[in-house]
Amino acid sequence: MSEKNWAAYLLRCSDNSLYCGVSKNIEKRVVEHNSGMGAKYTRSRRPVVLVGTSRHMTKGEALKLEYRIKQLPADKKIVELEKGACH
């Protein structure tokens, strides 16, 4: 049985771009992004602000949602995250 303790999240970067990731501890991950220890993409775009999270899901579900979100234009990403949160 898979634990449903993963979530996808969206960050708004200082250049107004969006970054999507997955984590078991989103609050800790946002701190890592803002300290320069997060993803390479966010290191030069700090500070970042959390703009949305999905519901808790399995790691596989979170990774699939992250992939779907990354395929979309920026204006559709938040909507897809919210849809993923409802499934």
C-alpha atoms as a PDB file:
ATOM      1  CA  MET A   1       0.000   0.000   0.000  1.00  0.00           C
ATOM      2  CA  SER A   2       1.411   3.392  -1.018  1.00  0.00           C
ATOM      3  CA  GLU A   3       1.490   6.239   1.449  1.00  0.00           C
ATOM      4  CA  LYS A   4      -0.288   9.375   0.297  1.00  0.00           C
ATOM      5  CA  ASN A   5       2.112  11.905   1.760  1.00  0.00           C
ATOM      6  CA  TRP A   6       3.453  13.515  -1.433  1.00  0.00           C
ATOM      7  CA  ALA A   7       2.169  16.683  -3.087  1.00  0.00           C
ATOM      8  CA  ALA A   8       2.915  18.752  -6.174  1.00  0.00           C
ATOM      9  CA  TYR A   9       3.526  22.460  -5.647  1.00  0.00           C
ATOM     10  CA  LEU A  10       3.894  25.631  -7.696  1.00  0.00           C
ATOM     11  CA  LEU A  11       6.239  28.487  -6.864  1.00  0.00           C
ATOM     12  CA  ARG A  12       6.165  32.013  -8.271  1.00  0.00           C
ATOM     13  CA  CYS A  13       9.759  33.148  -8.838  1.00  0.00           C
ATOM     14  CA  SER A  14      11.042  36.730  -8.558  1.00  0.00           C
ATOM     15  CA  ASP A  15      11.024  37.035 -12.368  1.00  0.00           C
ATOM     16  CA  ASN A  16       7.295  36.088 -12.312  1.00  0.00           C
ATOM     17  CA  SER A  17       7.935  32.644 -13.818  1.00  0.00           C
ATOM     18  CA  LEU A  18       6.439  29.482 -12.310  1.00  0.00           C
ATOM     19  CA  TYR A  19       8.306  26.448 -11.020  1.00  0.00           C
ATOM     20  CA  CYS A  20       6.635  23.111 -10.335  1.00  0.00           C
ATOM     21  CA  GLY A  21       7.985  20.367  -8.087  1.00  0.00           C
ATOM     22  CA  VAL A  22       6.978  17.546  -5.753  1.00  0.00           C
ATOM     23  CA  SER A  23       7.808  17.002  -2.109  1.00  0.00           C
ATOM     24  CA  LYS A  24       6.748  15.270   1.080  1.00  0.00           C
ATOM     25  CA  ASN A  25       7.396  18.459   3.080  1.00  0.00           C
ATOM     26  CA  ILE A  26       6.487  21.533   1.041  1.00  0.00           C
ATOM     27  CA  GLU A  27       7.269  24.107   3.743  1.00  0.00           C
ATOM     28  CA  LYS A  28      10.817  22.741   4.106  1.00  0.00           C
ATOM     29  CA  ARG A  29      11.236  22.595   0.342  1.00  0.00           C
ATOM     30  CA  VAL A  30      10.244  26.263  -0.095  1.00  0.00           C
ATOM     31  CA  VAL A  31      12.865  27.212   2.515  1.00  0.00           C
ATOM     32  CA  GLU A  32      15.440  25.180   0.560  1.00  0.00           C
ATOM     33  CA  HIS A  33      14.513  26.965  -2.677  1.00  0.00           C
ATOM     34  CA  ASN A  34      14.820  30.370  -0.991  1.00  0.00           C
ATOM     35  CA  SER A  35      18.189  29.508   0.566  1.00  0.00           C
ATOM     36  CA  GLY A  36      19.667  28.509  -2.805  1.00  0.00           C
ATOM     37  CA  MET A  37      19.662  24.789  -1.989  1.00  0.00           C
ATOM     38  CA  GLY A  38      16.627  23.976  -4.128  1.00  0.00           C
ATOM     39  CA  ALA A  39      16.408  23.380  -7.846  1.00  0.00           C
ATOM     40  CA  LYS A  40      18.932  24.969 -10.192  1.00  0.00           C
ATOM     41  CA  TYR A  41      16.079  26.838 -11.901  1.00  0.00           C
ATOM     42  CA  THR A  42      15.079  28.713  -8.736  1.00  0.00           C
ATOM     43  CA  ARG A  43      18.604  29.572  -7.520  1.00  0.00           C
ATOM     44  CA  SER A  44      18.852  32.672  -9.703  1.00  0.00           C
ATOM     45  CA  ARG A  45      15.165  33.553  -9.365  1.00  0.00           C
ATOM     46  CA  ARG A  46      14.877  34.074  -5.607  1.00  0.00           C
ATOM     47  CA  PRO A  47      12.895  34.765  -3.603  1.00  0.00           C
ATOM     48  CA  VAL A  48      10.161  32.311  -4.492  1.00  0.00           C
ATOM     49  CA  VAL A  49       6.610  32.277  -3.127  1.00  0.00           C
ATOM     50  CA  LEU A  50       4.340  29.250  -2.830  1.00  0.00           C
ATOM     51  CA  VAL A  51       1.253  29.805  -4.991  1.00  0.00           C
ATOM     52  CA  GLY A  52      -0.432  26.409  -4.827  1.00  0.00           C
ATOM     53  CA  THR A  53      -0.268  22.798  -3.724  1.00  0.00           C
ATOM     54  CA  SER A  54      -2.105  19.632  -4.625  1.00  0.00           C
ATOM     55  CA  ARG A  55      -3.782  17.333  -2.174  1.00  0.00           C
ATOM     56  CA  HIS A  56      -1.678  14.558  -0.660  1.00  0.00           C
ATOM     57  CA  MET A  57      -1.104  11.707  -3.078  1.00  0.00           C
ATOM     58  CA  THR A  58       1.318   8.884  -3.742  1.00  0.00           C
ATOM     59  CA  LYS A  59       4.742   9.741  -5.109  1.00  0.00           C
ATOM     60  CA  GLY A  60       3.764   8.351  -8.521  1.00  0.00           C
ATOM     61  CA  GLU A  61       0.581  10.425  -8.646  1.00  0.00           C
ATOM     62  CA  ALA A  62       2.500  13.570  -7.648  1.00  0.00           C
ATOM     63  CA  LEU A  63       5.164  12.976 -10.301  1.00  0.00           C
ATOM     64  CA  LYS A  64       2.511  12.438 -12.986  1.00  0.00           C
ATOM     65  CA  LEU A  65       0.750  15.654 -11.989  1.00  0.00           C
ATOM     66  CA  GLU A  66       4.083  17.527 -12.015  1.00  0.00           C
ATOM     67  CA  TYR A  67       4.766  16.240 -15.544  1.00  0.00           C
ATOM     68  CA  ARG A  68       1.310  17.319 -16.760  1.00  0.00           C
ATOM     69  CA  ILE A  69       1.750  20.772 -15.252  1.00  0.00           C
ATOM     70  CA  LYS A  70       5.203  21.249 -16.793  1.00  0.00           C
ATOM     71  CA  GLN A  71       3.747  20.583 -20.263  1.00  0.00           C
ATOM     72  CA  LEU A  72       1.321  23.507 -19.989  1.00  0.00           C
ATOM     73  CA  PRO A  73       1.699  27.230 -20.626  1.00  0.00           C
ATOM     74  CA  ALA A  74       2.054  29.321 -17.458  1.00  0.00           C
ATOM     75  CA  ASP A  75      -1.547  30.557 -17.459  1.00  0.00           C
ATOM     76  CA  LYS A  76      -2.855  26.964 -17.296  1.00  0.00           C
ATOM     77  CA  LYS A  77      -0.508  25.589 -14.614  1.00  0.00           C
ATOM     78  CA  ILE A  78      -2.454  26.739 -11.548  1.00  0.00           C
ATOM     79  CA  VAL A  79      -5.717  25.435 -13.012  1.00  0.00           C
ATOM     80  CA  GLU A  80      -4.138  22.016 -13.640  1.00  0.00           C
ATOM     81  CA  LEU A  81      -2.726  21.916 -10.099  1.00  0.00           C
ATOM     82  CA  GLU A  82      -6.188  22.686  -8.713  1.00  0.00           C
ATOM     83  CA  LYS A  83      -7.747  19.990 -10.931  1.00  0.00           C
ATOM     84  CA  GLY A  84      -5.108  17.520  -9.701  1.00  0.00           C
ATOM     85  CA  ALA A  85      -5.972  18.463  -6.148  1.00  0.00           C
ATOM     86  CA  CYS A  86      -9.580  17.436  -6.745  1.00  0.00           C
ATOM     87  CA  HIS A  87      -8.924  13.948  -8.148  1.00  0.00           C
END
